[in-house]
């Protein structure tokens, strides 16, 4: 009898937790689906990595991920180089005190390039995909500032803060378009992610790979309506 009571209590708690999460995700879905109606203040950043006027903030979130490096030959030795085949991060937004994943960041082929895309296209471009409606954008870096050089990029020794331009977009399978509104992307307040100081100095190290954890704030901008 006691066992059945405990199981019923567990099932009730589990059902309530799932119901709460469903309500939270529903609210996030409504909010992110109507992003053009939301207003976020733009961050104060150096002119070099500030989007052109007329591009207000669309979305923002906190990313947790890894920066990939591969050891390649350099001069008579070797050095760590960013491995574009291995970018990976999850972008979160805070809702009612809970971190909710709403974007994933990775590398993929740009299947719907715009007029700003390079020609020929690289084998893969940095990608941000909505976890809500699966819409996505591809970006390429325009400018960067070193970490520790500005209050928007304060952590010396971290990976650089970057302004990227959207070079392609694609709606989700059901026509979702949350991400397709984006025009520019900023990576700010970076922490970690820099290449290791050792492990890649001689020809015998060539071919080694490593993933370095990092965090950052991502701001997504849209064309003013």
N, C-alpha and C. Protein backbone atom coordinates (compact mmCIF):
# COMPACT_ATOMS: atom_id res chain seq x y z
N UNK A 1 0.82 -1.19 0.00
CA UNK A 1 0.00 0.00 0.00
C UNK A 1 0.87 1.25 0.00
N UNK A 2 1.86 1.24 0.90
CA UNK A 2 2.78 2.36 0.98
C UNK A 2 3.52 2.53 -0.35
N UNK A 3 3.94 1.42 -0.96
CA UNK A 3 4.66 1.48 -2.23
C UNK A 3 3.82 2.13 -3.31
N UNK A 4 2.51 1.72 -3.37
CA UNK A 4 1.63 2.29 -4.39
C UNK A 4 1.40 3.78 -4.17
N UNK A 5 1.31 4.18 -2.90
CA UNK A 5 1.12 5.59 -2.58
C UNK A 5 2.33 6.41 -3.04
N UNK A 6 3.54 5.89 -2.74
CA UNK A 6 4.77 6.57 -3.15
C UNK A 6 4.84 6.68 -4.67
N UNK A 7 4.50 5.59 -5.37
CA UNK A 7 4.53 5.63 -6.82
C UNK A 7 3.54 6.64 -7.37
N UNK A 8 2.33 6.70 -6.77
CA UNK A 8 1.35 7.68 -7.21
C UNK A 8 1.85 9.10 -7.01
N UNK A 9 2.52 9.34 -5.88
CA UNK A 9 3.06 10.66 -5.62
C UNK A 9 4.14 11.02 -6.64
N UNK A 10 5.01 10.05 -6.94
CA UNK A 10 6.06 10.28 -7.93
C UNK A 10 5.46 10.59 -9.30
N UNK A 11 4.43 9.82 -9.68
CA UNK A 11 3.79 10.04 -10.97
C UNK A 11 3.13 11.42 -11.03
N UNK A 12 2.52 11.83 -9.90
CA UNK A 12 1.88 13.15 -9.85
C UNK A 12 2.90 14.26 -9.99
N UNK A 13 4.01 14.15 -9.27
CA UNK A 13 5.07 15.15 -9.35
C UNK A 13 5.64 15.21 -10.76
N UNK A 14 5.87 14.02 -11.34
CA UNK A 14 6.40 13.97 -12.70
C UNK A 14 5.44 14.62 -13.69
N UNK A 15 4.16 14.33 -13.56
CA UNK A 15 3.16 14.91 -14.46
C UNK A 15 3.10 16.42 -14.31
N UNK A 16 3.16 16.90 -13.07
CA UNK A 16 3.14 18.35 -12.85
C UNK A 16 4.38 19.01 -13.43
N UNK A 17 5.54 18.36 -13.28
CA UNK A 17 6.78 18.91 -13.82
C UNK A 17 6.71 18.99 -15.33
N UNK A 18 6.20 17.92 -15.95
CA UNK A 18 6.07 17.93 -17.41
C UNK A 18 5.08 19.00 -17.86
N UNK A 19 3.99 19.15 -17.11
CA UNK A 19 2.99 20.17 -17.46
C UNK A 19 3.60 21.57 -17.34
N UNK A 20 4.38 21.80 -16.27
CA UNK A 20 5.02 23.10 -16.10
C UNK A 20 5.99 23.39 -17.22
N UNK A 21 6.80 22.37 -17.57
CA UNK A 21 7.75 22.55 -18.66
C UNK A 21 7.03 22.81 -19.98
N UNK A 22 5.93 22.12 -20.21
CA UNK A 22 5.17 22.34 -21.45
C UNK A 22 4.64 23.76 -21.51
N UNK A 23 4.14 24.27 -20.36
CA UNK A 23 3.66 25.65 -20.33
C UNK A 23 4.79 26.63 -20.59
N UNK A 24 5.97 26.37 -19.99
CA UNK A 24 7.11 27.26 -20.19
C UNK A 24 7.56 27.26 -21.64
N UNK A 25 7.64 26.07 -22.24
CA UNK A 25 8.04 25.99 -23.62
C UNK A 25 7.01 26.65 -24.53
N UNK A 26 5.73 26.53 -24.16
CA UNK A 26 4.70 27.19 -24.94
C UNK A 26 4.84 28.69 -24.90
N UNK A 27 5.17 29.22 -23.72
CA UNK A 27 5.38 30.66 -23.59
C UNK A 27 6.60 31.12 -24.40
N UNK A 28 7.68 30.31 -24.33
CA UNK A 28 8.87 30.64 -25.13
C UNK A 28 8.53 30.61 -26.61
N UNK A 29 7.74 29.61 -27.03
CA UNK A 29 7.35 29.51 -28.43
C UNK A 29 6.58 30.75 -28.86
N UNK A 30 5.61 31.17 -28.04
CA UNK A 30 4.83 32.36 -28.39
C UNK A 30 5.73 33.59 -28.46
N UNK A 31 6.63 33.71 -27.48
CA UNK A 31 7.49 34.89 -27.44
C UNK A 31 8.43 34.94 -28.63
N UNK A 32 9.06 33.80 -28.94
CA UNK A 32 10.03 33.80 -30.03
C UNK A 32 9.37 33.82 -31.39
N UNK A 33 8.13 33.36 -31.49
CA UNK A 33 7.42 33.42 -32.76
C UNK A 33 7.02 34.85 -33.09
N UNK A 34 6.87 35.68 -32.05
CA UNK A 34 6.48 37.07 -32.25
C UNK A 34 7.63 38.02 -31.93
N UNK A 35 8.85 37.63 -32.36
CA UNK A 35 10.03 38.40 -32.00
C UNK A 35 10.00 39.80 -32.58
N UNK A 36 9.34 40.03 -33.71
CA UNK A 36 9.34 41.37 -34.28
C UNK A 36 8.60 42.35 -33.39
N UNK A 37 7.76 41.84 -32.48
CA UNK A 37 7.02 42.71 -31.58
C UNK A 37 7.80 43.01 -30.31
N UNK A 38 8.92 42.30 -30.08
CA UNK A 38 9.72 42.49 -28.88
C UNK A 38 10.80 43.52 -29.12
N UNK A 39 11.22 44.17 -28.04
CA UNK A 39 12.29 45.17 -28.12
C UNK A 39 13.38 44.83 -27.12
N UNK A 40 14.61 44.65 -27.60
CA UNK A 40 15.75 44.41 -26.73
C UNK A 40 16.74 45.55 -26.91
N UNK A 41 17.31 46.07 -25.85
CA UNK A 41 18.30 47.14 -26.01
C UNK A 41 19.57 46.61 -26.66
N UNK A 42 20.15 47.35 -27.59
CA UNK A 42 21.40 46.89 -28.22
C UNK A 42 22.56 47.03 -27.25
N UNK A 43 23.54 46.15 -27.32
CA UNK A 43 24.70 46.25 -26.45
C UNK A 43 25.61 47.39 -26.91
N UNK A 44 26.35 47.97 -25.97
CA UNK A 44 27.35 48.98 -26.31
C UNK A 44 28.62 48.25 -26.73
N UNK A 45 29.03 48.42 -27.98
CA UNK A 45 30.18 47.69 -28.51
C UNK A 45 31.05 48.62 -29.35
N UNK A 46 32.32 48.26 -29.57
CA UNK A 46 33.18 49.06 -30.45
C UNK A 46 32.58 49.17 -31.85
N UNK A 47 32.83 50.31 -32.51
CA UNK A 47 32.25 50.54 -33.84
C UNK A 47 32.59 49.41 -34.81
N UNK A 48 33.76 48.82 -34.65
CA UNK A 48 34.21 47.78 -35.58
C UNK A 48 33.29 46.57 -35.58
N UNK A 49 32.68 46.26 -34.44
CA UNK A 49 31.81 45.07 -34.38
C UNK A 49 30.36 45.44 -34.09
N UNK A 50 29.98 46.69 -34.39
CA UNK A 50 28.59 47.13 -34.22
C UNK A 50 27.87 47.03 -35.57
N UNK A 51 26.71 46.38 -35.63
CA UNK A 51 25.97 46.30 -36.89
C UNK A 51 25.58 47.69 -37.40
N UNK A 52 25.37 47.86 -38.70
CA UNK A 52 24.95 49.15 -39.25
C UNK A 52 23.64 49.62 -38.62
N UNK A 53 23.43 50.92 -38.63
CA UNK A 53 22.18 51.48 -38.12
C UNK A 53 21.00 50.88 -38.88
N UNK A 54 19.89 50.76 -38.20
CA UNK A 54 18.71 50.17 -38.85
C UNK A 54 18.62 48.68 -38.67
N UNK A 55 19.43 48.13 -37.74
CA UNK A 55 19.38 46.70 -37.45
C UNK A 55 19.22 46.51 -35.95
N UNK A 56 17.98 46.56 -35.44
CA UNK A 56 17.74 46.38 -34.01
C UNK A 56 17.93 44.92 -33.59
N UNK A 57 18.01 44.72 -32.28
CA UNK A 57 18.20 43.38 -31.73
C UNK A 57 16.95 42.54 -31.95
N UNK A 58 17.15 41.33 -32.44
CA UNK A 58 16.07 40.37 -32.67
C UNK A 58 15.96 39.38 -31.52
N UNK A 59 17.09 38.76 -31.17
CA UNK A 59 17.14 37.74 -30.12
C UNK A 59 18.47 37.85 -29.40
N UNK A 60 18.54 37.34 -28.21
CA UNK A 60 19.81 37.26 -27.50
C UNK A 60 19.78 36.05 -26.59
N UNK A 61 20.97 35.50 -26.33
CA UNK A 61 21.05 34.33 -25.48
C UNK A 61 22.47 34.06 -25.03
N UNK A 62 22.61 33.17 -24.09
CA UNK A 62 23.90 32.79 -23.53
C UNK A 62 24.29 31.43 -24.08
N UNK A 63 25.49 31.33 -24.63
CA UNK A 63 25.95 30.10 -25.26
C UNK A 63 26.96 29.37 -24.39
N UNK A 64 26.86 28.05 -24.41
CA UNK A 64 27.84 27.17 -23.77
C UNK A 64 28.26 26.16 -24.81
N UNK A 65 29.55 26.09 -25.10
CA UNK A 65 29.99 25.17 -26.15
C UNK A 65 31.48 24.93 -26.14
N UNK A 66 32.00 24.52 -27.29
CA UNK A 66 33.42 24.25 -27.43
C UNK A 66 33.94 24.85 -28.73
N UNK A 67 35.19 25.27 -28.69
CA UNK A 67 35.90 25.76 -29.87
C UNK A 67 36.90 24.69 -30.27
N UNK A 68 36.83 24.24 -31.52
CA UNK A 68 37.70 23.16 -31.97
C UNK A 68 38.99 23.67 -32.60
N UNK A 69 40.09 22.97 -32.35
CA UNK A 69 41.38 23.31 -32.93
C UNK A 69 42.03 22.05 -33.50
N UNK A 70 42.80 22.26 -34.56
CA UNK A 70 43.59 21.17 -35.14
C UNK A 70 45.03 21.65 -35.25
N UNK A 71 45.97 20.77 -35.01
CA UNK A 71 47.39 21.11 -35.08
C UNK A 71 47.87 20.96 -36.53
N UNK A 72 48.33 22.07 -37.11
CA UNK A 72 48.76 22.09 -38.51
C UNK A 72 50.20 22.56 -38.62
N UNK A 73 50.89 22.20 -39.71
CA UNK A 73 52.28 22.64 -39.88
C UNK A 73 52.39 24.16 -39.97
N UNK A 74 53.45 24.72 -39.40
CA UNK A 74 53.74 26.14 -39.50
C UNK A 74 55.24 26.34 -39.46
N UNK A 75 55.75 26.97 -40.53
CA UNK A 75 57.20 27.16 -40.66
C UNK A 75 57.89 25.81 -40.49
N UNK A 76 58.78 25.72 -39.51
CA UNK A 76 59.48 24.44 -39.27
C UNK A 76 58.83 23.62 -38.17
N UNK A 77 57.74 24.16 -37.59
CA UNK A 77 57.08 23.45 -36.51
C UNK A 77 55.60 23.27 -36.78
N UNK A 78 54.77 23.65 -35.80
CA UNK A 78 53.33 23.48 -35.94
C UNK A 78 52.64 24.45 -34.99
N UNK A 79 51.33 24.70 -35.23
CA UNK A 79 50.56 25.56 -34.34
C UNK A 79 49.08 25.19 -34.40
N UNK A 80 48.36 25.53 -33.34
CA UNK A 80 46.93 25.27 -33.30
C UNK A 80 46.19 26.22 -34.24
N UNK A 81 45.26 25.67 -35.00
CA UNK A 81 44.43 26.45 -35.93
C UNK A 81 42.97 26.10 -35.67
N UNK A 82 42.10 27.13 -35.74
CA UNK A 82 40.68 26.88 -35.52
C UNK A 82 40.19 25.83 -36.50
N UNK A 83 39.53 24.80 -35.98
CA UNK A 83 39.00 23.72 -36.81
C UNK A 83 37.53 24.00 -37.10
N UNK A 84 37.26 24.54 -38.30
CA UNK A 84 35.89 24.92 -38.64
C UNK A 84 34.95 23.73 -38.77
N UNK A 85 35.49 22.53 -38.73
CA UNK A 85 34.63 21.36 -38.82
C UNK A 85 34.01 20.99 -37.47
N UNK A 86 34.40 21.70 -36.39
CA UNK A 86 33.96 21.25 -35.07
C UNK A 86 33.37 22.35 -34.19
N UNK A 87 32.73 23.42 -34.73
CA UNK A 87 32.10 24.37 -33.80
C UNK A 87 30.83 23.75 -33.22
N UNK A 88 30.61 23.98 -31.95
CA UNK A 88 29.42 23.38 -31.32
C UNK A 88 29.06 24.19 -30.08
N UNK A 89 27.80 24.63 -30.01
CA UNK A 89 27.34 25.35 -28.82
C UNK A 89 25.82 25.27 -28.73
N UNK A 90 25.32 25.44 -27.52
CA UNK A 90 23.89 25.52 -27.27
C UNK A 90 23.62 26.90 -26.69
N UNK A 91 22.61 27.58 -27.23
CA UNK A 91 22.27 28.93 -26.79
C UNK A 91 21.00 28.86 -25.94
N UNK A 92 21.08 29.47 -24.75
CA UNK A 92 19.98 29.42 -23.80
C UNK A 92 19.38 30.81 -23.59
N UNK A 93 18.11 30.84 -23.24
CA UNK A 93 17.46 32.05 -22.76
C UNK A 93 16.86 31.74 -21.40
N UNK A 94 16.79 32.76 -20.54
CA UNK A 94 16.26 32.55 -19.20
C UNK A 94 14.79 32.91 -19.16
N UNK A 95 13.96 31.98 -18.70
CA UNK A 95 12.53 32.21 -18.62
C UNK A 95 12.03 31.73 -17.27
N UNK A 96 11.50 32.67 -16.46
CA UNK A 96 11.00 32.35 -15.13
C UNK A 96 12.06 31.63 -14.29
N UNK A 97 13.31 32.09 -14.43
CA UNK A 97 14.40 31.54 -13.64
C UNK A 97 14.97 30.24 -14.15
N UNK A 98 14.47 29.75 -15.30
CA UNK A 98 14.96 28.50 -15.88
C UNK A 98 15.67 28.76 -17.20
N UNK A 99 16.80 28.08 -17.41
CA UNK A 99 17.50 28.18 -18.69
C UNK A 99 16.82 27.27 -19.70
N UNK A 100 16.36 27.84 -20.81
CA UNK A 100 15.67 27.10 -21.85
C UNK A 100 16.50 27.15 -23.13
N UNK A 101 16.86 25.98 -23.66
CA UNK A 101 17.58 25.94 -24.94
C UNK A 101 16.66 26.42 -26.06
N UNK A 102 17.14 27.39 -26.87
CA UNK A 102 16.30 27.82 -27.98
C UNK A 102 17.05 27.97 -29.30
N UNK A 103 18.37 27.79 -29.28
CA UNK A 103 19.15 27.82 -30.52
C UNK A 103 20.31 26.85 -30.37
N UNK A 104 20.68 26.17 -31.45
CA UNK A 104 21.91 25.38 -31.49
C UNK A 104 22.84 25.97 -32.54
N UNK A 105 24.15 25.85 -32.29
CA UNK A 105 25.18 26.46 -33.13
C UNK A 105 26.13 25.36 -33.60
N UNK A 106 26.36 25.27 -34.90
CA UNK A 106 27.18 24.20 -35.44
C UNK A 106 27.63 24.60 -36.85
N UNK A 107 28.22 23.69 -37.58
CA UNK A 107 28.66 23.92 -38.95
C UNK A 107 27.81 23.10 -39.90
N UNK A 108 27.39 23.70 -41.01
CA UNK A 108 26.62 22.96 -42.02
C UNK A 108 26.75 23.65 -43.37
N UNK A 109 26.45 22.95 -44.47
CA UNK A 109 26.50 23.57 -45.80
C UNK A 109 25.41 24.63 -45.94
N UNK A 110 25.76 25.76 -46.54
CA UNK A 110 24.81 26.84 -46.80
C UNK A 110 23.99 26.48 -48.04
N UNK A 111 22.77 26.03 -47.82
CA UNK A 111 21.94 25.55 -48.93
C UNK A 111 21.03 26.63 -49.51
N UNK A 112 21.05 27.82 -48.92
CA UNK A 112 20.22 28.91 -49.45
C UNK A 112 20.95 30.24 -49.28
N UNK A 113 22.06 30.43 -50.02
CA UNK A 113 22.88 31.63 -49.85
C UNK A 113 22.16 32.90 -50.32
N UNK A 114 22.53 34.04 -49.71
CA UNK A 114 22.01 35.32 -50.17
C UNK A 114 23.09 36.09 -50.93
N UNK A 115 22.85 37.37 -51.19
CA UNK A 115 23.78 38.15 -52.02
C UNK A 115 25.10 38.43 -51.32
N UNK A 116 25.18 38.21 -50.00
CA UNK A 116 26.42 38.46 -49.27
C UNK A 116 27.29 37.21 -49.14
N UNK A 117 26.82 36.09 -49.60
CA UNK A 117 27.58 34.84 -49.49
C UNK A 117 28.78 34.84 -50.42
N UNK A 118 29.90 34.27 -49.99
CA UNK A 118 31.07 34.18 -50.88
C UNK A 118 30.82 33.21 -52.02
N UNK A 119 31.54 33.41 -53.10
CA UNK A 119 31.43 32.53 -54.26
C UNK A 119 32.84 32.17 -54.72
N UNK A 120 33.24 30.89 -54.61
CA UNK A 120 32.39 29.75 -54.24
C UNK A 120 32.15 29.68 -52.73
N UNK A 121 31.13 28.94 -52.36
CA UNK A 121 30.82 28.74 -50.95
C UNK A 121 31.83 27.80 -50.31
N UNK A 122 32.16 28.00 -49.04
CA UNK A 122 33.00 27.02 -48.34
C UNK A 122 32.24 25.70 -48.16
N UNK A 123 32.94 24.67 -47.76
CA UNK A 123 32.28 23.36 -47.58
C UNK A 123 31.24 23.40 -46.48
N UNK A 124 31.40 24.34 -45.55
CA UNK A 124 30.43 24.51 -44.47
C UNK A 124 30.56 25.90 -43.89
N UNK A 125 29.47 26.43 -43.34
CA UNK A 125 29.46 27.76 -42.72
C UNK A 125 28.87 27.66 -41.32
N UNK A 126 29.28 28.59 -40.46
CA UNK A 126 28.73 28.61 -39.11
C UNK A 126 27.22 28.79 -39.17
N UNK A 127 26.51 28.01 -38.37
CA UNK A 127 25.06 27.90 -38.47
C UNK A 127 24.42 28.10 -37.10
N UNK A 128 23.27 28.78 -37.09
CA UNK A 128 22.44 28.90 -35.90
C UNK A 128 21.04 28.44 -36.26
N UNK A 129 20.54 27.45 -35.55
CA UNK A 129 19.23 26.87 -35.87
C UNK A 129 18.31 26.96 -34.67
N UNK A 130 17.09 27.44 -34.91
CA UNK A 130 16.10 27.56 -33.85
C UNK A 130 15.69 26.18 -33.34
N UNK A 131 15.66 26.02 -32.03
CA UNK A 131 15.16 24.79 -31.43
C UNK A 131 13.64 24.77 -31.39
N UNK A 132 13.02 25.90 -31.72
CA UNK A 132 11.57 26.02 -31.69
C UNK A 132 10.95 25.61 -33.02
N UNK A 133 11.43 26.20 -34.13
CA UNK A 133 10.80 25.91 -35.44
C UNK A 133 11.77 25.41 -36.49
N UNK A 134 13.05 25.15 -36.10
CA UNK A 134 14.08 24.59 -36.99
C UNK A 134 14.51 25.51 -38.13
N UNK A 135 14.09 26.77 -38.13
CA UNK A 135 14.63 27.72 -39.10
C UNK A 135 16.10 27.95 -38.77
N UNK A 136 16.89 28.36 -39.77
CA UNK A 136 18.32 28.52 -39.54
C UNK A 136 18.91 29.66 -40.36
N UNK A 137 20.07 30.14 -39.93
CA UNK A 137 20.84 31.11 -40.69
C UNK A 137 22.29 30.68 -40.70
N UNK A 138 23.00 31.12 -41.74
CA UNK A 138 24.45 30.92 -41.85
C UNK A 138 25.12 32.28 -41.79
N UNK A 139 26.31 32.33 -41.20
CA UNK A 139 27.01 33.60 -41.06
C UNK A 139 28.48 33.49 -41.40
N UNK A 140 29.08 34.65 -41.73
CA UNK A 140 30.52 34.71 -41.93
C UNK A 140 31.06 35.92 -41.16
N UNK A 141 32.26 35.78 -40.55
CA UNK A 141 32.83 36.88 -39.77
C UNK A 141 33.15 38.08 -40.64
N UNK A 142 32.85 39.28 -40.10
CA UNK A 142 33.23 40.53 -40.76
C UNK A 142 34.42 41.18 -40.05
N UNK A 143 34.28 41.37 -38.72
CA UNK A 143 35.32 42.02 -37.93
C UNK A 143 35.36 41.40 -36.54
N UNK A 144 36.47 41.62 -35.86
CA UNK A 144 36.60 41.10 -34.49
C UNK A 144 37.44 42.06 -33.65
N UNK A 145 37.30 41.95 -32.34
CA UNK A 145 38.16 42.68 -31.40
C UNK A 145 38.68 41.67 -30.39
N UNK A 146 39.92 41.85 -29.93
CA UNK A 146 40.48 40.87 -28.99
C UNK A 146 39.80 40.93 -27.63
N UNK A 147 39.70 39.80 -26.99
CA UNK A 147 39.15 39.74 -25.64
C UNK A 147 40.02 40.56 -24.69
N UNK A 148 39.38 41.31 -23.80
CA UNK A 148 40.09 42.17 -22.87
C UNK A 148 40.26 43.58 -23.35
N UNK A 149 39.74 43.89 -24.56
CA UNK A 149 39.95 45.22 -25.15
C UNK A 149 38.77 46.16 -24.97
N UNK A 150 37.63 45.66 -24.42
CA UNK A 150 36.43 46.49 -24.32
C UNK A 150 35.52 45.89 -23.25
N UNK A 151 34.71 46.72 -22.58
CA UNK A 151 33.78 46.18 -21.58
C UNK A 151 32.81 45.13 -22.13
N UNK A 152 32.53 45.16 -23.44
CA UNK A 152 31.66 44.14 -24.03
C UNK A 152 32.42 42.85 -24.31
N UNK A 153 33.74 42.90 -24.13
CA UNK A 153 34.60 41.73 -24.38
C UNK A 153 35.73 41.76 -23.35
N UNK A 154 35.38 41.59 -22.06
CA UNK A 154 36.30 41.93 -20.98
C UNK A 154 37.33 40.89 -20.57
N UNK A 155 37.15 39.65 -20.98
CA UNK A 155 37.95 38.57 -20.39
C UNK A 155 39.21 38.29 -21.20
N UNK A 156 40.31 38.89 -20.76
CA UNK A 156 41.59 38.72 -21.45
C UNK A 156 41.96 37.24 -21.57
N UNK A 157 42.43 36.88 -22.75
CA UNK A 157 42.83 35.49 -22.98
C UNK A 157 41.75 34.62 -23.57
N UNK A 158 40.50 35.12 -23.63
CA UNK A 158 39.41 34.35 -24.23
C UNK A 158 39.43 34.53 -25.75
N UNK A 159 38.57 33.79 -26.44
CA UNK A 159 38.44 33.98 -27.88
C UNK A 159 37.88 35.37 -28.17
N UNK A 160 38.13 35.84 -29.37
CA UNK A 160 37.76 37.20 -29.76
C UNK A 160 36.25 37.39 -29.78
N UNK A 161 35.82 38.64 -29.69
CA UNK A 161 34.42 39.00 -29.91
C UNK A 161 34.26 39.39 -31.37
N UNK A 162 33.15 38.98 -31.97
CA UNK A 162 33.05 39.00 -33.42
C UNK A 162 31.70 39.57 -33.88
N UNK A 163 31.73 40.26 -35.03
CA UNK A 163 30.51 40.62 -35.75
C UNK A 163 30.45 39.76 -37.00
N UNK A 164 29.34 39.05 -37.19
CA UNK A 164 29.14 38.22 -38.38
C UNK A 164 27.95 38.74 -39.18
N UNK A 165 28.02 38.56 -40.49
CA UNK A 165 26.90 38.91 -41.36
C UNK A 165 26.21 37.63 -41.82
N UNK A 166 24.90 37.66 -41.85
CA UNK A 166 24.14 36.51 -42.32
C UNK A 166 24.33 36.37 -43.83
N UNK A 167 24.71 35.16 -44.27
CA UNK A 167 24.97 34.92 -45.69
C UNK A 167 24.01 33.89 -46.29
N UNK A 168 22.98 33.57 -45.53
CA UNK A 168 21.98 32.62 -46.03
C UNK A 168 20.99 32.30 -44.94
N UNK A 169 19.80 31.88 -45.32
CA UNK A 169 18.79 31.52 -44.33
C UNK A 169 17.84 30.49 -44.93
N UNK A 170 17.15 29.79 -44.05
CA UNK A 170 16.24 28.75 -44.50
C UNK A 170 15.12 28.58 -43.47
N UNK A 171 13.89 28.52 -43.95
CA UNK A 171 12.76 28.30 -43.07
C UNK A 171 12.76 26.86 -42.56
N UNK A 172 12.02 26.62 -41.49
CA UNK A 172 11.90 25.28 -40.96
C UNK A 172 11.00 24.41 -41.82
N UNK A 173 10.94 23.11 -41.55
CA UNK A 173 10.13 22.18 -42.35
C UNK A 173 8.66 22.56 -42.42
N UNK A 174 8.14 23.23 -41.37
CA UNK A 174 6.73 23.63 -41.35
C UNK A 174 6.57 25.12 -41.67
N UNK A 175 7.64 25.73 -42.21
CA UNK A 175 7.56 27.14 -42.59
C UNK A 175 7.97 28.11 -41.51
N UNK A 176 8.52 27.63 -40.39
CA UNK A 176 8.96 28.52 -39.32
C UNK A 176 10.02 29.49 -39.80
N UNK A 177 10.01 30.71 -39.25
CA UNK A 177 10.91 31.74 -39.78
C UNK A 177 11.55 32.59 -38.69
N UNK A 178 11.64 32.06 -37.46
CA UNK A 178 12.23 32.86 -36.38
C UNK A 178 13.62 33.35 -36.74
N UNK A 179 14.49 32.46 -37.19
CA UNK A 179 15.88 32.82 -37.45
C UNK A 179 16.07 33.55 -38.79
N UNK A 180 15.16 33.36 -39.73
CA UNK A 180 15.36 33.92 -41.07
C UNK A 180 15.28 35.44 -41.10
N UNK A 181 14.84 36.04 -40.01
CA UNK A 181 14.77 37.50 -39.93
C UNK A 181 16.13 38.12 -39.62
N UNK A 182 17.09 37.30 -39.20
CA UNK A 182 18.39 37.81 -38.74
C UNK A 182 19.22 38.36 -39.90
N UNK A 183 19.94 39.46 -39.61
CA UNK A 183 20.83 40.08 -40.59
C UNK A 183 22.30 40.05 -40.14
N UNK A 184 22.51 40.25 -38.83
CA UNK A 184 23.85 40.25 -38.27
C UNK A 184 23.83 39.49 -36.94
N UNK A 185 25.00 39.02 -36.53
CA UNK A 185 25.15 38.28 -35.28
C UNK A 185 26.40 38.79 -34.57
N UNK A 186 26.30 39.02 -33.27
CA UNK A 186 27.46 39.39 -32.46
C UNK A 186 27.76 38.28 -31.46
N UNK A 187 29.05 37.98 -31.30
CA UNK A 187 29.50 37.12 -30.20
C UNK A 187 30.26 38.01 -29.23
N UNK A 188 29.72 38.17 -28.01
CA UNK A 188 30.29 39.09 -27.03
C UNK A 188 30.54 38.37 -25.70
N UNK A 189 31.24 39.08 -24.80
CA UNK A 189 31.47 38.59 -23.44
C UNK A 189 31.99 37.15 -23.44
N UNK A 190 32.95 36.91 -24.29
CA UNK A 190 33.51 35.56 -24.41
C UNK A 190 34.34 35.20 -23.19
N UNK A 191 34.35 33.93 -22.87
CA UNK A 191 35.14 33.42 -21.74
C UNK A 191 35.64 32.04 -22.11
N UNK A 192 36.97 31.86 -22.14
CA UNK A 192 37.53 30.57 -22.54
C UNK A 192 37.58 30.45 -24.05
N UNK A 193 37.85 29.23 -24.50
CA UNK A 193 37.83 28.92 -25.93
C UNK A 193 39.12 29.15 -26.69
N UNK A 194 40.14 29.73 -26.07
CA UNK A 194 41.40 30.00 -26.77
C UNK A 194 42.21 28.72 -26.96
N UNK A 195 43.08 28.74 -27.96
CA UNK A 195 43.91 27.57 -28.25
C UNK A 195 44.83 27.25 -27.07
N UNK A 196 45.10 25.98 -26.83
CA UNK A 196 46.03 25.61 -25.74
C UNK A 196 47.41 26.20 -25.97
N UNK A 197 48.14 26.41 -24.90
CA UNK A 197 49.49 26.96 -25.01
C UNK A 197 50.51 25.89 -25.37
N UNK A 198 50.17 24.64 -25.21
CA UNK A 198 51.12 23.58 -25.51
C UNK A 198 50.44 22.45 -26.28
N UNK A 199 51.19 21.43 -26.62
CA UNK A 199 50.64 20.27 -27.31
C UNK A 199 50.70 20.34 -28.81
N UNK A 200 51.19 21.47 -29.37
CA UNK A 200 51.27 21.61 -30.82
C UNK A 200 52.43 22.54 -31.16
N UNK A 201 53.61 21.98 -31.26
CA UNK A 201 54.80 22.80 -31.53
C UNK A 201 55.76 22.17 -32.53
N UNK A 202 55.70 20.85 -32.68
CA UNK A 202 56.62 20.18 -33.59
C UNK A 202 55.85 19.40 -34.64
N UNK A 203 56.56 18.96 -35.66
CA UNK A 203 55.92 18.23 -36.75
C UNK A 203 55.26 16.94 -36.28
N UNK A 204 55.75 16.38 -35.19
CA UNK A 204 55.16 15.14 -34.68
C UNK A 204 53.78 15.39 -34.05
N UNK A 205 53.46 16.66 -33.77
CA UNK A 205 52.16 16.99 -33.19
C UNK A 205 51.08 17.21 -34.25
N UNK A 206 51.49 17.34 -35.50
CA UNK A 206 50.54 17.64 -36.58
C UNK A 206 49.44 16.58 -36.64
N UNK A 207 48.22 17.04 -36.73
CA UNK A 207 47.08 16.13 -36.80
C UNK A 207 46.31 16.01 -35.49
N UNK A 208 46.93 16.45 -34.39
CA UNK A 208 46.21 16.43 -33.11
C UNK A 208 45.01 17.37 -33.15
N UNK A 209 43.97 17.04 -32.42
CA UNK A 209 42.80 17.90 -32.33
C UNK A 209 42.40 18.06 -30.87
N UNK A 210 41.75 19.19 -30.58
CA UNK A 210 41.29 19.42 -29.22
C UNK A 210 40.05 20.29 -29.23
N UNK A 211 39.20 20.13 -28.21
CA UNK A 211 38.00 20.93 -28.04
C UNK A 211 38.15 21.72 -26.74
N UNK A 212 38.04 23.04 -26.83
CA UNK A 212 38.23 23.91 -25.67
C UNK A 212 36.89 24.54 -25.28
N UNK A 213 36.41 24.32 -24.05
CA UNK A 213 35.13 24.89 -23.63
C UNK A 213 35.13 26.42 -23.66
N UNK A 214 33.99 27.00 -23.98
CA UNK A 214 33.85 28.46 -23.92
C UNK A 214 32.40 28.82 -23.64
N UNK A 215 32.20 30.06 -23.18
CA UNK A 215 30.86 30.64 -23.06
C UNK A 215 30.89 31.99 -23.74
N UNK A 216 29.72 32.46 -24.15
CA UNK A 216 29.63 33.76 -24.82
C UNK A 216 28.17 34.20 -24.85
N UNK A 217 27.98 35.50 -25.06
CA UNK A 217 26.64 36.04 -25.32
C UNK A 217 26.48 36.20 -26.82
N UNK A 218 25.35 35.76 -27.36
CA UNK A 218 25.07 35.95 -28.78
C UNK A 218 23.88 36.90 -28.94
N UNK A 219 24.07 37.92 -29.76
CA UNK A 219 23.01 38.86 -30.13
C UNK A 219 22.71 38.67 -31.61
N UNK A 220 21.44 38.57 -31.92
CA UNK A 220 20.99 38.43 -33.31
C UNK A 220 20.20 39.69 -33.68
N UNK A 221 20.52 40.26 -34.83
CA UNK A 221 19.91 41.52 -35.26
C UNK A 221 19.05 41.28 -36.50
N UNK A 222 18.06 42.15 -36.70
CA UNK A 222 17.16 42.05 -37.85
C UNK A 222 17.09 43.40 -38.56
N UNK A 223 16.60 43.40 -39.76
CA UNK A 223 16.37 44.63 -40.51
C UNK A 223 15.21 45.38 -39.89
N UNK A 224 15.37 46.69 -39.69
CA UNK A 224 14.29 47.47 -39.10
C UNK A 224 13.06 47.44 -39.99
N UNK A 225 11.89 47.37 -39.35
CA UNK A 225 10.63 47.27 -40.10
C UNK A 225 10.19 48.64 -40.60
